[in-house]
mmCIF file of all heavy atoms, coordinates in Angstrom:
data_MODEL
# 
_entry.id   MODEL 
# 
loop_
_atom_site.group_PDB 
_atom_site.id 
_atom_site.type_symbol 
_atom_site.label_atom_id 
_atom_site.label_alt_id 
_atom_site.label_comp_id 
_atom_site.label_asym_id 
_atom_site.label_entity_id 
_atom_site.label_seq_id 
_atom_site.pdbx_PDB_ins_code 
_atom_site.Cartn_x 
_atom_site.Cartn_y 
_atom_site.Cartn_z 
_atom_site.occupancy 
_atom_site.B_iso_or_equiv 
_atom_site.pdbx_formal_charge 
_atom_site.auth_seq_id 
_atom_site.auth_comp_id 
_atom_site.auth_asym_id 
_atom_site.auth_atom_id 
_atom_site.pdbx_PDB_model_num 
ATOM 1   N N   . SER A 1 1  ? -58.589 -31.836 61.145 1.00 0.00 ? 1  SER A N   1 
ATOM 2   C CA  . SER A 1 1  ? -57.478 -32.484 60.440 1.00 0.00 ? 1  SER A CA  1 
ATOM 3   C C   . SER A 1 1  ? -56.767 -31.520 59.502 1.00 0.00 ? 1  SER A C   1 
ATOM 4   O O   . SER A 1 1  ? -55.575 -31.674 59.226 1.00 0.00 ? 1  SER A O   1 
ATOM 5   C CB  . SER A 1 1  ? -57.982 -33.694 59.646 1.00 0.00 ? 1  SER A CB  1 
ATOM 6   O OG  . SER A 1 1  ? -58.943 -33.294 58.676 1.00 0.00 ? 1  SER A OG  1 
ATOM 7   N N   . ALA A 1 2  ? -57.475 -30.515 59.019 1.00 0.00 ? 2  ALA A N   1 
ATOM 8   C CA  . ALA A 1 2  ? -56.881 -29.535 58.092 1.00 0.00 ? 2  ALA A CA  1 
ATOM 9   C C   . ALA A 1 2  ? -56.328 -28.315 58.815 1.00 0.00 ? 2  ALA A C   1 
ATOM 10  O O   . ALA A 1 2  ? -55.688 -27.473 58.189 1.00 0.00 ? 2  ALA A O   1 
ATOM 11  C CB  . ALA A 1 2  ? -57.910 -29.098 57.058 1.00 0.00 ? 2  ALA A CB  1 
ATOM 12  N N   . MET A 1 3  ? -56.550 -28.222 60.118 1.00 0.00 ? 3  MET A N   1 
ATOM 13  C CA  . MET A 1 3  ? -56.068 -27.071 60.883 1.00 0.00 ? 3  MET A CA  1 
ATOM 14  C C   . MET A 1 3  ? -54.593 -27.291 61.216 1.00 0.00 ? 3  MET A C   1 
ATOM 15  O O   . MET A 1 3  ? -54.238 -27.725 62.304 1.00 0.00 ? 3  MET A O   1 
ATOM 16  C CB  . MET A 1 3  ? -56.896 -26.883 62.160 1.00 0.00 ? 3  MET A CB  1 
ATOM 17  C CG  . MET A 1 3  ? -56.550 -25.617 62.934 1.00 0.00 ? 3  MET A CG  1 
ATOM 18  S SD  . MET A 1 3  ? -57.451 -25.476 64.512 1.00 0.00 ? 3  MET A SD  1 
ATOM 19  C CE  . MET A 1 3  ? -59.004 -24.814 63.963 1.00 0.00 ? 3  MET A CE  1 
ATOM 20  N N   . LYS A 1 4  ? -53.732 -26.957 60.269 1.00 0.00 ? 4  LYS A N   1 
ATOM 21  C CA  . LYS A 1 4  ? -52.299 -27.210 60.414 1.00 0.00 ? 4  LYS A CA  1 
ATOM 22  C C   . LYS A 1 4  ? -51.586 -25.964 60.940 1.00 0.00 ? 4  LYS A C   1 
ATOM 23  O O   . LYS A 1 4  ? -51.941 -24.830 60.615 1.00 0.00 ? 4  LYS A O   1 
ATOM 24  C CB  . LYS A 1 4  ? -51.692 -27.626 59.077 1.00 0.00 ? 4  LYS A CB  1 
ATOM 25  C CG  . LYS A 1 4  ? -52.254 -28.921 58.514 1.00 0.00 ? 4  LYS A CG  1 
ATOM 26  C CD  . LYS A 1 4  ? -51.933 -30.114 59.413 1.00 0.00 ? 4  LYS A CD  1 
ATOM 27  C CE  . LYS A 1 4  ? -52.378 -31.418 58.788 1.00 0.00 ? 4  LYS A CE  1 
ATOM 28  N NZ  . LYS A 1 4  ? -52.086 -32.577 59.664 1.00 0.00 ? 4  LYS A NZ  1 
ATOM 29  N N   . GLY A 1 5  ? -50.572 -26.203 61.753 1.00 0.00 ? 5  GLY A N   1 
ATOM 30  C CA  . GLY A 1 5  ? -49.815 -25.104 62.314 1.00 0.00 ? 5  GLY A CA  1 
ATOM 31  C C   . GLY A 1 5  ? -48.366 -25.460 62.522 1.00 0.00 ? 5  GLY A C   1 
ATOM 32  O O   . GLY A 1 5  ? -47.925 -26.575 62.197 1.00 0.00 ? 5  GLY A O   1 
ATOM 33  N N   . SER A 1 6  ? -47.630 -24.526 63.077 1.00 0.00 ? 6  SER A N   1 
ATOM 34  C CA  . SER A 1 6  ? -46.214 -24.733 63.376 1.00 0.00 ? 6  SER A CA  1 
ATOM 35  C C   . SER A 1 6  ? -46.080 -25.405 64.731 1.00 0.00 ? 6  SER A C   1 
ATOM 36  O O   . SER A 1 6  ? -47.064 -25.600 65.453 1.00 0.00 ? 6  SER A O   1 
ATOM 37  C CB  . SER A 1 6  ? -45.485 -23.390 63.396 1.00 0.00 ? 6  SER A CB  1 
ATOM 38  O OG  . SER A 1 6  ? -45.894 -22.637 64.532 1.00 0.00 ? 6  SER A OG  1 
ATOM 39  N N   . TRP A 1 7  ? -44.845 -25.704 65.128 1.00 0.00 ? 7  TRP A N   1 
ATOM 40  C CA  . TRP A 1 7  ? -44.606 -26.293 66.443 1.00 0.00 ? 7  TRP A CA  1 
ATOM 41  C C   . TRP A 1 7  ? -44.998 -25.340 67.564 1.00 0.00 ? 7  TRP A C   1 
ATOM 42  O O   . TRP A 1 7  ? -45.194 -25.746 68.706 1.00 0.00 ? 7  TRP A O   1 
ATOM 43  C CB  . TRP A 1 7  ? -43.146 -26.710 66.588 1.00 0.00 ? 7  TRP A CB  1 
ATOM 44  C CG  . TRP A 1 7  ? -42.170 -25.570 66.490 1.00 0.00 ? 7  TRP A CG  1 
ATOM 45  C CD1 . TRP A 1 7  ? -41.502 -25.155 65.374 1.00 0.00 ? 7  TRP A CD1 1 
ATOM 46  C CD2 . TRP A 1 7  ? -41.772 -24.689 67.543 1.00 0.00 ? 7  TRP A CD2 1 
ATOM 47  N NE1 . TRP A 1 7  ? -40.714 -24.058 65.667 1.00 0.00 ? 7  TRP A NE1 1 
ATOM 48  C CE2 . TRP A 1 7  ? -40.856 -23.755 66.998 1.00 0.00 ? 7  TRP A CE2 1 
ATOM 49  C CE3 . TRP A 1 7  ? -42.091 -24.587 68.898 1.00 0.00 ? 7  TRP A CE3 1 
ATOM 50  C CZ2 . TRP A 1 7  ? -40.269 -22.746 67.755 1.00 0.00 ? 7  TRP A CZ2 1 
ATOM 51  C CZ3 . TRP A 1 7  ? -41.499 -23.567 69.660 1.00 0.00 ? 7  TRP A CZ3 1 
ATOM 52  C CH2 . TRP A 1 7  ? -40.600 -22.673 69.080 1.00 0.00 ? 7  TRP A CH2 1 
ATOM 53  N N   . ALA A 1 8  ? -45.138 -24.036 67.240 1.00 0.00 ? 8  ALA A N   1 
ATOM 54  C CA  . ALA A 1 8  ? -45.539 -23.046 68.240 1.00 0.00 ? 8  ALA A CA  1 
ATOM 55  C C   . ALA A 1 8  ? -47.040 -22.788 68.235 1.00 0.00 ? 8  ALA A C   1 
ATOM 56  O O   . ALA A 1 8  ? -47.527 -21.982 69.027 1.00 0.00 ? 8  ALA A O   1 
ATOM 57  C CB  . ALA A 1 8  ? -44.795 -21.738 68.006 1.00 0.00 ? 8  ALA A CB  1 
ATOM 58  N N   . GLY A 1 9  ? -47.773 -23.439 67.329 1.00 0.00 ? 9  GLY A N   1 
ATOM 59  C CA  . GLY A 1 9  ? -49.215 -23.292 67.286 1.00 0.00 ? 9  GLY A CA  1 
ATOM 60  C C   . GLY A 1 9  ? -49.735 -22.258 66.320 1.00 0.00 ? 9  GLY A C   1 
ATOM 61  O O   . GLY A 1 9  ? -50.946 -22.077 66.189 1.00 0.00 ? 9  GLY A O   1 
ATOM 62  N N   . ALA A 1 10 ? -48.839 -21.530 65.601 1.00 0.00 ? 10 ALA A N   1 
ATOM 63  C CA  . ALA A 1 10 ? -49.273 -20.526 64.629 1.00 0.00 ? 10 ALA A CA  1 
ATOM 64  C C   . ALA A 1 10 ? -49.733 -21.224 63.355 1.00 0.00 ? 10 ALA A C   1 
ATOM 65  O O   . ALA A 1 10 ? -49.086 -22.153 62.872 1.00 0.00 ? 10 ALA A O   1 
ATOM 66  C CB  . ALA A 1 10 ? -48.146 -19.555 64.325 1.00 0.00 ? 10 ALA A CB  1 
ATOM 67  N N   . MET A 1 11 ? -50.849 -20.752 62.790 1.00 0.00 ? 11 MET A N   1 
ATOM 68  C CA  . MET A 1 11 ? -51.541 -21.514 61.753 1.00 0.00 ? 11 MET A CA  1 
ATOM 69  C C   . MET A 1 11 ? -51.461 -20.854 60.373 1.00 0.00 ? 11 MET A C   1 
ATOM 70  O O   . MET A 1 11 ? -51.491 -19.636 60.232 1.00 0.00 ? 11 MET A O   1 
ATOM 71  C CB  . MET A 1 11 ? -53.011 -21.662 62.128 1.00 0.00 ? 11 MET A CB  1 
ATOM 72  C CG  . MET A 1 11 ? -53.263 -22.247 63.507 1.00 0.00 ? 11 MET A CG  1 
ATOM 73  S SD  . MET A 1 11 ? -55.028 -22.517 63.842 1.00 0.00 ? 11 MET A SD  1 
ATOM 74  C CE  . MET A 1 11 ? -55.712 -20.892 63.517 1.00 0.00 ? 11 MET A CE  1 
ATOM 75  N N   . GLY A 1 12 ? -51.401 -21.718 59.361 1.00 0.00 ? 12 GLY A N   1 
ATOM 76  C CA  . GLY A 1 12 ? -51.592 -21.307 57.992 1.00 0.00 ? 12 GLY A CA  1 
ATOM 77  C C   . GLY A 1 12 ? -50.523 -20.394 57.435 1.00 0.00 ? 12 GLY A C   1 
ATOM 78  O O   . GLY A 1 12 ? -49.448 -20.212 58.008 1.00 0.00 ? 12 GLY A O   1 
ATOM 79  N N   . GLN A 1 13 ? -50.838 -19.815 56.278 1.00 0.00 ? 13 GLN A N   1 
ATOM 80  C CA  . GLN A 1 13 ? -49.864 -18.990 55.566 1.00 0.00 ? 13 GLN A CA  1 
ATOM 81  C C   . GLN A 1 13 ? -49.498 -17.694 56.301 1.00 0.00 ? 13 GLN A C   1 
ATOM 82  O O   . GLN A 1 13 ? -48.343 -17.285 56.271 1.00 0.00 ? 13 GLN A O   1 
ATOM 83  C CB  . GLN A 1 13 ? -50.398 -18.682 54.167 1.00 0.00 ? 13 GLN A CB  1 
ATOM 84  C CG  . GLN A 1 13 ? -50.583 -19.929 53.312 1.00 0.00 ? 13 GLN A CG  1 
ATOM 85  C CD  . GLN A 1 13 ? -51.037 -19.615 51.897 1.00 0.00 ? 13 GLN A CD  1 
ATOM 86  O OE1 . GLN A 1 13 ? -50.618 -18.616 51.299 1.00 0.00 ? 13 GLN A OE1 1 
ATOM 87  N NE2 . GLN A 1 13 ? -51.913 -20.454 51.352 1.00 0.00 ? 13 GLN A NE2 1 
ATOM 88  N N   . PRO A 1 14 ? -50.432 -17.037 57.004 1.00 0.00 ? 14 PRO A N   1 
ATOM 89  C CA  . PRO A 1 14 ? -50.039 -15.845 57.765 1.00 0.00 ? 14 PRO A CA  1 
ATOM 90  C C   . PRO A 1 14 ? -49.449 -16.163 59.123 1.00 0.00 ? 14 PRO A C   1 
ATOM 91  O O   . PRO A 1 14 ? -48.987 -15.260 59.808 1.00 0.00 ? 14 PRO A O   1 
ATOM 92  C CB  . PRO A 1 14 ? -51.367 -15.085 57.939 1.00 0.00 ? 14 PRO A CB  1 
ATOM 93  C CG  . PRO A 1 14 ? -52.364 -15.762 57.071 1.00 0.00 ? 14 PRO A CG  1 
ATOM 94  C CD  . PRO A 1 14 ? -51.893 -17.172 56.930 1.00 0.00 ? 14 PRO A CD  1 
ATOM 95  N N   . GLN A 1 15 ? -49.508 -17.434 59.546 1.00 0.00 ? 15 GLN A N   1 
ATOM 96  C CA  . GLN A 1 15 ? -49.027 -17.863 60.856 1.00 0.00 ? 15 GLN A CA  1 
ATOM 97  C C   . GLN A 1 15 ? -49.745 -17.127 61.985 1.00 0.00 ? 15 GLN A C   1 
ATOM 98  O O   . GLN A 1 15 ? -49.136 -16.475 62.835 1.00 0.00 ? 15 GLN A O   1 
ATOM 99  C CB  . GLN A 1 15 ? -47.509 -17.706 60.961 1.00 0.00 ? 15 GLN A CB  1 
ATOM 100 C CG  . GLN A 1 15 ? -46.729 -18.762 60.178 1.00 0.00 ? 15 GLN A CG  1 
ATOM 101 C CD  . GLN A 1 15 ? -46.868 -20.149 60.802 1.00 0.00 ? 15 GLN A CD  1 
ATOM 102 O OE1 . GLN A 1 15 ? -46.141 -20.501 61.711 1.00 0.00 ? 15 GLN A OE1 1 
ATOM 103 N NE2 . GLN A 1 15 ? -47.806 -20.948 60.296 1.00 0.00 ? 15 GLN A NE2 1 
ATOM 104 N N   . PHE A 1 16 ? -51.068 -17.271 61.989 1.00 0.00 ? 16 PHE A N   1 
ATOM 105 C CA  . PHE A 1 16 ? -51.916 -16.707 63.035 1.00 0.00 ? 16 PHE A CA  1 
ATOM 106 C C   . PHE A 1 16 ? -52.109 -17.721 64.155 1.00 0.00 ? 16 PHE A C   1 
ATOM 107 O O   . PHE A 1 16 ? -52.382 -18.901 63.893 1.00 0.00 ? 16 PHE A O   1 
ATOM 108 C CB  . PHE A 1 16 ? -53.311 -16.383 62.487 1.00 0.00 ? 16 PHE A CB  1 
ATOM 109 C CG  . PHE A 1 16 ? -53.425 -15.111 61.704 1.00 0.00 ? 16 PHE A CG  1 
ATOM 110 C CD1 . PHE A 1 16 ? -54.631 -14.769 61.113 1.00 0.00 ? 16 PHE A CD1 1 
ATOM 111 C CD2 . PHE A 1 16 ? -52.352 -14.251 61.543 1.00 0.00 ? 16 PHE A CD2 1 
ATOM 112 C CE1 . PHE A 1 16 ? -54.775 -13.603 60.381 1.00 0.00 ? 16 PHE A CE1 1 
ATOM 113 C CE2 . PHE A 1 16 ? -52.473 -13.079 60.805 1.00 0.00 ? 16 PHE A CE2 1 
ATOM 114 C CZ  . PHE A 1 16 ? -53.703 -12.754 60.223 1.00 0.00 ? 16 PHE A CZ  1 
ATOM 115 N N   . LEU A 1 17 ? -52.010 -17.281 65.395 1.00 0.00 ? 17 LEU A N   1 
ATOM 116 C CA  . LEU A 1 17 ? -52.548 -18.066 66.485 1.00 0.00 ? 17 LEU A CA  1 
ATOM 117 C C   . LEU A 1 17 ? -54.075 -18.056 66.369 1.00 0.00 ? 17 LEU A C   1 
ATOM 118 O O   . LEU A 1 17 ? -54.652 -17.156 65.736 1.00 0.00 ? 17 LEU A O   1 
ATOM 119 C CB  . LEU A 1 17 ? -52.110 -17.494 67.824 1.00 0.00 ? 17 LEU A CB  1 
ATOM 120 C CG  . LEU A 1 17 ? -50.646 -17.735 68.212 1.00 0.00 ? 17 LEU A CG  1 
ATOM 121 C CD1 . LEU A 1 17 ? -50.286 -16.918 69.452 1.00 0.00 ? 17 LEU A CD1 1 
ATOM 122 C CD2 . LEU A 1 17 ? -50.369 -19.218 68.458 1.00 0.00 ? 17 LEU A CD2 1 
ATOM 123 N N   . PRO A 1 18 ? -54.760 -19.046 66.946 1.00 0.00 ? 18 PRO A N   1 
ATOM 124 C CA  . PRO A 1 18 ? -56.219 -19.086 66.795 1.00 0.00 ? 18 PRO A CA  1 
ATOM 125 C C   . PRO A 1 18 ? -56.931 -17.812 67.216 1.00 0.00 ? 18 PRO A C   1 
ATOM 126 O O   . PRO A 1 18 ? -57.895 -17.389 66.565 1.00 0.00 ? 18 PRO A O   1 
ATOM 127 C CB  . PRO A 1 18 ? -56.609 -20.278 67.671 1.00 0.00 ? 18 PRO A CB  1 
ATOM 128 C CG  . PRO A 1 18 ? -55.427 -21.187 67.604 1.00 0.00 ? 18 PRO A CG  1 
ATOM 129 C CD  . PRO A 1 18 ? -54.239 -20.277 67.588 1.00 0.00 ? 18 PRO A CD  1 
ATOM 130 N N   . SER A 1 19 ? -56.493 -17.162 68.298 1.00 0.00 ? 19 SER A N   1 
ATOM 131 C CA  . SER A 1 19 ? -57.150 -15.927 68.717 1.00 0.00 ? 19 SER A CA  1 
ATOM 132 C C   . SER A 1 19 ? -56.978 -14.830 67.671 1.00 0.00 ? 19 SER A C   1 
ATOM 133 O O   . SER A 1 19 ? -57.901 -14.034 67.437 1.00 0.00 ? 19 SER A O   1 
ATOM 134 C CB  . SER A 1 19 ? -56.609 -15.457 70.068 1.00 0.00 ? 19 SER A CB  1 
ATOM 135 O OG  . SER A 1 19 ? -55.207 -15.221 69.999 1.00 0.00 ? 19 SER A OG  1 
ATOM 136 N N   . SER A 1 20 ? -55.821 -14.784 67.012 1.00 0.00 ? 20 SER A N   1 
ATOM 137 C CA  . SER A 1 20 ? -55.616 -13.804 65.939 1.00 0.00 ? 20 SER A CA  1 
ATOM 138 C C   . SER A 1 20 ? -56.485 -14.134 64.740 1.00 0.00 ? 20 SER A C   1 
ATOM 139 O O   . SER A 1 20 ? -56.997 -13.228 64.061 1.00 0.00 ? 20 SER A O   1 
ATOM 140 C CB  . SER A 1 20 ? -54.141 -13.771 65.532 1.00 0.00 ? 20 SER A CB  1 
ATOM 141 O OG  . SER A 1 20 ? -53.340 -13.259 66.571 1.00 0.00 ? 20 SER A OG  1 
ATOM 142 N N   . TYR A 1 21 ? -56.650 -15.415 64.472 1.00 0.00 ? 21 TYR A N   1 
ATOM 143 C CA  . TYR A 1 21 ? -57.550 -15.823 63.388 1.00 0.00 ? 21 TYR A CA  1 
ATOM 144 C C   . TYR A 1 21 ? -58.959 -15.304 63.656 1.00 0.00 ? 21 TYR A C   1 
ATOM 145 O O   . TYR A 1 21 ? -59.598 -14.718 62.769 1.00 0.00 ? 21 TYR A O   1 
ATOM 146 C CB  . TYR A 1 21 ? -57.555 -17.345 63.272 1.00 0.00 ? 21 TYR A CB  1 
ATOM 147 C CG  . TYR A 1 21 ? -58.523 -17.884 62.236 1.00 0.00 ? 21 TYR A CG  1 
ATOM 148 C CD1 . TYR A 1 21 ? -58.075 -18.241 60.967 1.00 0.00 ? 21 TYR A CD1 1 
ATOM 149 C CD2 . TYR A 1 21 ? -59.878 -18.032 62.534 1.00 0.00 ? 21 TYR A CD2 1 
ATOM 150 C CE1 . TYR A 1 21 ? -58.971 -18.731 60.015 1.00 0.00 ? 21 TYR A CE1 1 
ATOM 151 C CE2 . TYR A 1 21 ? -60.773 -18.517 61.593 1.00 0.00 ? 21 TYR A CE2 1 
ATOM 152 C CZ  . TYR A 1 21 ? -60.309 -18.861 60.336 1.00 0.00 ? 21 TYR A CZ  1 
ATOM 153 O OH  . TYR A 1 21 ? -61.190 -19.335 59.396 1.00 0.00 ? 21 TYR A OH  1 
ATOM 154 N N   . LEU A 1 22 ? -59.469 -15.511 64.862 1.00 0.00 ? 22 LEU A N   1 
ATOM 155 C CA  . LEU A 1 22 ? -60.821 -15.058 65.183 1.00 0.00 ? 22 LEU A CA  1 
ATOM 156 C C   . LEU A 1 22 ? -60.952 -13.552 65.030 1.00 0.00 ? 22 LEU A C   1 
ATOM 157 O O   . LEU A 1 22 ? -61.989 -13.051 64.587 1.00 0.00 ? 22 LEU A O   1 
ATOM 158 C CB  . LEU A 1 22 ? -61.188 -15.469 66.610 1.00 0.00 ? 22 LEU A CB  1 
ATOM 159 C CG  . LEU A 1 22 ? -61.401 -16.968 66.854 1.00 0.00 ? 22 LEU A CG  1 
ATOM 160 C CD1 . LEU A 1 22 ? -61.663 -17.221 68.333 1.00 0.00 ? 22 LEU A CD1 1 
ATOM 161 C CD2 . LEU A 1 22 ? -62.544 -17.512 66.005 1.00 0.00 ? 22 LEU A CD2 1 
ATOM 162 N N   . ASP A 1 23 ? -59.903 -12.819 65.368 1.00 0.00 ? 23 ASP A N   1 
ATOM 163 C CA  . ASP A 1 23 ? -59.956 -11.352 65.332 1.00 0.00 ? 23 ASP A CA  1 
ATOM 164 C C   . ASP A 1 23 ? -59.704 -10.769 63.948 1.00 0.00 ? 23 ASP A C   1 
ATOM 165 O O   . ASP A 1 23 ? -60.252 -9.701  63.624 1.00 0.00 ? 23 ASP A O   1 
ATOM 166 C CB  . ASP A 1 23 ? -58.930 -10.765 66.306 1.00 0.00 ? 23 ASP A CB  1 
ATOM 167 C CG  . ASP A 1 23 ? -59.287 -10.996 67.757 1.00 0.00 ? 23 ASP A CG  1 
ATOM 168 O OD1 . ASP A 1 23 ? -60.465 -11.261 68.052 1.00 0.00 ? 23 ASP A OD1 1 
ATOM 169 O OD2 . ASP A 1 23 ? -58.371 -10.929 68.607 1.00 0.00 ? 23 ASP A OD2 1 
ATOM 170 N N   . HIS A 1 24 ? -58.892 -11.436 63.124 1.00 0.00 ? 24 HIS A N   1 
ATOM 171 C CA  . HIS A 1 24 ? -58.379 -10.769 61.926 1.00 0.00 ? 24 HIS A CA  1 
ATOM 172 C C   . HIS A 1 24 ? -58.574 -11.508 60.608 1.00 0.00 ? 24 HIS A C   1 
ATOM 173 O O   . HIS A 1 24 ? -58.472 -10.882 59.546 1.00 0.00 ? 24 HIS A O   1 
ATOM 174 C CB  . HIS A 1 24 ? -56.881 -10.489 62.099 1.00 0.00 ? 24 HIS A CB  1 
ATOM 175 C CG  . HIS A 1 24 ? -56.540 -9.726  63.328 1.00 0.00 ? 24 HIS A CG  1 
ATOM 176 N ND1 . HIS A 1 24 ? -57.000 -8.445  63.574 1.00 0.00 ? 24 HIS A ND1 1 
ATOM 177 C CD2 . HIS A 1 24 ? -55.784 -10.050 64.415 1.00 0.00 ? 24 HIS A CD2 1 
ATOM 178 C CE1 . HIS A 1 24 ? -56.551 -8.019  64.741 1.00 0.00 ? 24 HIS A CE1 1 
ATOM 179 N NE2 . HIS A 1 24 ? -55.816 -8.974  65.275 1.00 0.00 ? 24 HIS A NE2 1 
ATOM 180 N N   . ALA A 1 25 ? -58.814 -12.806 60.627 1.00 0.00 ? 25 ALA A N   1 
ATOM 181 C CA  . ALA A 1 25 ? -58.949 -13.537 59.363 1.00 0.00 ? 25 ALA A CA  1 
ATOM 182 C C   . ALA A 1 25 ? -60.202 -13.103 58.618 1.00 0.00 ? 25 ALA A C   1 
ATOM 183 O O   . ALA A 1 25 ? -61.243 -12.839 59.234 1.00 0.00 ? 25 ALA A O   1 
ATOM 184 C CB  . ALA A 1 25 ? -58.989 -15.044 59.630 1.00 0.00 ? 25 ALA A CB  1 
ATOM 185 N N   . VAL A 1 26 ? -60.098 -13.009 57.295 1.00 0.00 ? 26 VAL A N   1 
ATOM 186 C CA  . VAL A 1 26 ? -61.227 -12.567 56.469 1.00 0.00 ? 26 VAL A CA  1 
ATOM 187 C C   . VAL A 1 26 ? -61.416 -13.510 55.287 1.00 0.00 ? 26 VAL A C   1 
ATOM 188 O O   . VAL A 1 26 ? -60.478 -14.165 54.830 1.00 0.00 ? 26 VAL A O   1 
ATOM 189 C CB  . VAL A 1 26 ? -61.019 -11.122 55.952 1.00 0.00 ? 26 VAL A CB  1 
ATOM 190 C CG1 . VAL A 1 26 ? -60.994 -10.123 57.095 1.00 0.00 ? 26 VAL A CG1 1 
ATOM 191 C CG2 . VAL A 1 26 ? -59.751 -11.011 55.129 1.00 0.00 ? 26 VAL A CG2 1 
ATOM 192 N N   . ASP A 1 27 ? -62.639 -13.541 54.809 1.00 0.00 ? 27 ASP A N   1 
ATOM 193 C CA  . ASP A 1 27 ? -62.974 -14.281 53.589 1.00 0.00 ? 27 ASP A CA  1 
ATOM 194 C C   . ASP A 1 27 ? -62.953 -13.298 52.438 1.00 0.00 ? 27 ASP A C   1 
ATOM 195 O O   . ASP A 1 27 ? -63.931 -12.598 52.187 1.00 0.00 ? 27 ASP A O   1 
ATOM 196 C CB  . ASP A 1 27 ? -64.352 -14.935 53.751 1.00 0.00 ? 27 ASP A CB  1 
ATOM 197 C CG  . ASP A 1 27 ? -64.870 -15.522 52.433 1.00 0.00 ? 27 ASP A CG  1 
ATOM 198 O OD1 . ASP A 1 27 ? -64.037 -15.843 51.563 1.00 0.00 ? 27 ASP A OD1 1 
ATOM 199 O OD2 . ASP A 1 27 ? -66.104 -15.646 52.295 1.00 0.00 ? 27 ASP A OD2 1 
ATOM 200 N N   . PHE A 1 28 ? -61.829 -13.228 51.736 1.00 0.00 ? 28 PHE A N   1 
ATOM 201 C CA  . PHE A 1 28 ? -61.700 -12.234 50.657 1.00 0.00 ? 28 PHE A CA  1 
ATOM 202 C C   . PHE A 1 28 ? -62.069 -12.803 49.296 1.00 0.00 ? 28 PHE A C   1 
ATOM 203 O O   . PHE A 1 28 ? -62.392 -12.053 48.383 1.00 0.00 ? 28 PHE A O   1 
ATOM 204 C CB  . PHE A 1 28 ? -60.273 -11.679 50.611 1.00 0.00 ? 28 PHE A CB  1 
ATOM 205 C CG  . PHE A 1 28 ? -60.163 -10.342 49.943 1.00 0.00 ? 28 PHE A CG  1 
ATOM 206 C CD1 . PHE A 1 28 ? -60.558 -9.182  50.602 1.00 0.00 ? 28 PHE A CD1 1 
ATOM 207 C CD2 . PHE A 1 28 ? -59.677 -10.228 48.652 1.00 0.00 ? 28 PHE A CD2 1 
ATOM 208 C CE1 . PHE A 1 28 ? -60.472 -7.934  49.991 1.00 0.00 ? 28 PHE A CE1 1 
ATOM 209 C CE2 . PHE A 1 28 ? -59.578 -8.993  48.027 1.00 0.00 ? 28 PHE A CE2 1 
ATOM 210 C CZ  . PHE A 1 28 ? -59.984 -7.836  48.698 1.00 0.00 ? 28 PHE A CZ  1 
ATOM 211 N N   . ASP A 1 29 ? -62.000 -14.126 49.158 1.00 0.00 ? 29 ASP A N   1 
ATOM 212 C CA  . ASP A 1 29 ? -62.351 -14.708 47.855 1.00 0.00 ? 29 ASP A CA  1 
ATOM 213 C C   . ASP A 1 29 ? -63.835 -15.030 47.737 1.00 0.00 ? 29 ASP A C   1 
ATOM 214 O O   . ASP A 1 29 ? -64.299 -15.488 46.693 1.00 0.00 ? 29 ASP A O   1 
ATOM 215 C CB  . ASP A 1 29 ? -61.502 -15.955 47.558 1.00 0.00 ? 29 ASP A CB  1 
ATOM 216 C CG  . ASP A 1 29 ? -61.701 -17.063 48.585 1.00 0.00 ? 29 ASP A CG  1 
ATOM 217 O OD1 . ASP A 1 29 ? -62.678 -17.016 49.355 1.00 0.00 ? 29 ASP A OD1 1 
ATOM 218 O OD2 . ASP A 1 29 ? -60.854 -17.985 48.610 1.00 0.00 ? 29 ASP A OD2 1 
ATOM 219 N N   . GLY A 1 30 ? -64.592 -14.798 48.817 1.00 0.00 ? 30 GLY A N   1 
ATOM 220 C CA  . GLY A 1 30 ? -66.048 -14.893 48.751 1.00 0.00 ? 30 GLY A CA  1 
ATOM 221 C C   . GLY A 1 30 ? -66.612 -16.298 48.724 1.00 0.00 ? 30 GLY A C   1 
ATOM 222 O O   . GLY A 1 30 ? -67.775 -16.468 48.333 1.00 0.00 ? 30 GLY A O   1 
ATOM 223 N N   . ASP A 1 31 ? -65.849 -17.291 49.194 1.00 0.00 ? 31 ASP A N   1 
ATOM 224 C CA  . ASP A 1 31 ? -66.374 -18.658 49.178 1.00 0.00 ? 31 ASP A CA  1 
ATOM 225 C C   . ASP A 1 31 ? -67.076 -19.042 50.479 1.00 0.00 ? 31 ASP A C   1 
ATOM 226 O O   . ASP A 1 31 ? -67.481 -20.193 50.658 1.00 0.00 ? 31 ASP A O   1 
ATOM 227 C CB  . ASP A 1 31 ? -65.268 -19.670 48.868 1.00 0.00 ? 31 ASP A CB  1 
ATOM 228 C CG  . ASP A 1 31 ? -64.242 -19.796 49.993 1.00 0.00 ? 31 ASP A CG  1 
ATOM 229 O OD1 . ASP A 1 31 ? -64.286 -18.996 50.945 1.00 0.00 ? 31 ASP A OD1 1 
ATOM 230 O OD2 . ASP A 1 31 ? -63.373 -20.692 49.895 1.00 0.00 ? 31 ASP A OD2 1 
# 
């Protein structure tokens, strides 16, 4: 329910497609 994206499927503030999220998203705030 929180996995929000654009009409093209790009997600979140960086507008990553899910495959890009798996490859590049990081936990920088340590939570």
